[in-house]
Amino acid sequence: MATKPKTTEKSAPKKKTEKKAEEIAKLRIRVRAFEHKILDASVKQIIDTALRYDAIIAGPVPLPTEIKKYTVNRSTFVHKDAREQFEIRTHKRLVDIMNPNGKVIEALTNLSLPSGVNIDVKMV
């Protein structure tokens, strides 16, 4: 009796269906200020400028308020237990602009915002 040699069938490598996700360029704008009213007015101005050039916007997203607290002695010598506390609140907002074109970027760079508003712009 002759036995047949066992053939091992190698399965063909499975073709992975590669989904080409379109690269979406984002302009991520992070706005910070000490006063929330000035901050909201600045964000509204940024959004209005971007919408004027038909940009797709995500936001504004309110980020957690950063609170820095400082404790100071009221008196220098006699009343050591008397203290004062101060705090600085930094309010933050995040705005994403999807697929910005050149006109949007140019309009945002020429935008004049009130003093006390800090802006960080990143391409993601």
Protein backbone atom coordinates (compact mmCIF):
# COMPACT_ATOMS: atom_id res chain seq x y z
CA MET A 1 0.00 0.00 0.00
CA ALA A 2 1.40 3.22 -1.12
CA THR A 3 0.40 6.21 0.87
CA LYS A 4 -0.07 9.49 -0.78
CA PRO A 5 2.10 12.22 0.54
CA LYS A 6 0.03 14.82 2.26
CA THR A 7 0.07 18.06 0.40
CA THR A 8 -0.38 21.12 2.44
CA GLU A 9 -2.36 23.67 0.61
CA LYS A 10 -1.05 27.11 1.21
CA SER A 11 -3.83 29.56 1.23
CA ALA A 12 -3.33 32.56 -0.97
CA PRO A 13 -2.52 35.70 0.98
CA LYS A 14 -5.69 37.57 1.72
CA LYS A 15 -5.94 40.87 0.03
CA LYS A 16 -6.54 43.54 2.54
CA THR A 17 -9.07 46.02 1.44
CA GLU A 18 -7.22 49.21 1.92
CA LYS A 19 -9.46 52.12 2.52
CA LYS A 20 -7.68 55.21 1.52
CA ALA A 21 -8.81 57.75 3.98
CA GLU A 22 -8.65 61.16 2.49
CA GLU A 23 -6.13 63.27 4.27
CA ILE A 24 -8.07 66.11 5.81
CA ALA A 25 -5.92 69.11 6.52
CA LYS A 26 -7.01 70.94 9.64
CA LEU A 27 -6.14 74.36 10.85
CA ARG A 28 -6.38 74.08 14.64
CA ILE A 29 -6.77 77.44 16.36
CA ARG A 30 -6.44 77.63 20.13
CA VAL A 31 -7.52 80.94 21.64
CA ARG A 32 -6.73 81.96 25.24
CA ALA A 33 -7.67 85.03 27.28
CA PHE A 34 -8.26 86.13 30.86
CA GLU A 35 -11.72 87.62 30.15
CA HIS A 36 -14.32 85.30 28.69
CA LYS A 37 -16.36 88.05 26.99
CA ILE A 38 -13.39 89.26 24.96
CA LEU A 39 -12.51 85.66 24.19
CA ASP A 40 -15.99 84.83 22.88
CA ALA A 41 -16.03 87.99 20.75
CA SER A 42 -12.65 87.06 19.25
CA VAL A 43 -13.75 83.50 18.48
CA LYS A 44 -16.92 84.82 16.83
CA GLN A 45 -14.79 87.14 14.69
CA ILE A 46 -12.54 84.21 13.65
CA ILE A 47 -15.56 82.04 12.76
CA ASP A 48 -17.25 84.83 10.78
CA THR A 49 -14.06 85.40 8.80
CA ALA A 50 -13.71 81.69 7.99
CA LEU A 51 -17.38 81.35 7.02
CA ARG A 52 -17.07 84.32 4.67
CA TYR A 53 -14.72 82.16 2.54
CA ASP A 54 -16.93 79.02 2.73
CA ALA A 55 -14.72 77.07 5.12
CA ILE A 56 -15.99 74.11 7.16
CA ILE A 57 -15.69 74.82 10.88
CA ALA A 58 -15.77 72.60 13.96
CA GLY A 59 -16.20 74.45 17.20
CA PRO A 60 -15.77 76.55 19.21
CA VAL A 61 -15.03 73.92 21.83
CA PRO A 62 -14.64 75.29 25.37
CA LEU A 63 -11.57 73.81 27.02
CA PRO A 64 -11.16 73.62 30.80
CA THR A 65 -10.42 76.92 32.50
CA GLU A 66 -6.94 77.01 33.96
CA ILE A 67 -6.95 78.51 37.48
CA LYS A 68 -3.74 79.66 39.16
CA LYS A 69 -4.11 80.53 42.84
CA TYR A 70 -1.65 82.60 44.87
CA THR A 71 -1.65 83.01 48.67
CA VAL A 72 0.13 86.02 50.17
CA ASN A 73 0.69 87.16 53.75
CA ARG A 74 -1.27 90.34 54.55
CA SER A 75 1.19 91.57 57.09
CA THR A 76 4.94 91.27 57.05
CA PHE A 77 5.62 90.83 60.77
CA VAL A 78 2.89 90.77 63.42
CA HIS A 79 -0.17 89.06 61.93
CA LYS A 80 1.35 86.03 60.26
CA ASP A 81 -1.95 84.11 60.13
CA ALA A 82 -3.74 86.76 58.08
CA ARG A 83 -3.50 85.87 54.39
CA GLU A 84 -4.95 87.01 51.08
CA GLN A 85 -5.71 84.77 48.15
CA PHE A 86 -5.64 85.78 44.50
CA GLU A 87 -6.38 83.80 41.38
CA ILE A 88 -5.88 84.13 37.65
CA ARG A 89 -8.35 82.35 35.37
CA THR A 90 -7.30 81.55 31.81
CA HIS A 91 -10.27 80.74 29.57
CA LYS A 92 -9.62 78.67 26.42
CA ARG A 93 -11.47 77.84 23.21
CA LEU A 94 -10.61 75.52 20.31
CA VAL A 95 -11.68 76.03 16.68
CA ASP A 96 -10.91 73.63 13.80
CA ILE A 97 -11.08 74.73 10.18
CA MET A 98 -11.25 71.79 7.75
CA ASN A 99 -9.36 72.00 4.44
CA PRO A 100 -8.47 75.70 4.60
CA ASN A 101 -7.64 77.38 1.33
CA GLY A 102 -5.21 80.24 0.83
CA LYS A 103 -7.84 82.95 1.10
CA VAL A 104 -8.96 81.73 4.54
CA ILE A 105 -5.41 81.62 5.89
CA GLU A 106 -4.62 85.06 4.50
CA ALA A 107 -7.81 86.53 5.97
CA LEU A 108 -7.05 85.03 9.39
CA THR A 109 -3.50 86.39 9.43
CA ASN A 110 -4.77 89.90 8.63
CA LEU A 111 -7.39 89.71 11.38
CA SER A 112 -6.94 92.25 14.18
CA LEU A 113 -8.03 90.93 17.56
CA PRO A 114 -8.21 92.78 20.89
CA SER A 115 -5.20 92.87 23.18
CA GLY A 116 -5.12 90.19 25.85
CA VAL A 117 -6.12 87.43 23.42
CA ASN A 118 -3.46 84.81 22.68
CA ILE A 119 -3.76 82.68 19.55
CA ASP A 120 -1.93 79.44 18.70
CA VAL A 121 -2.37 78.13 15.13
CA LYS A 122 -1.29 74.63 14.07
CA MET A 123 -1.69 72.61 10.90
CA VAL A 124 -2.80 69.09 11.82
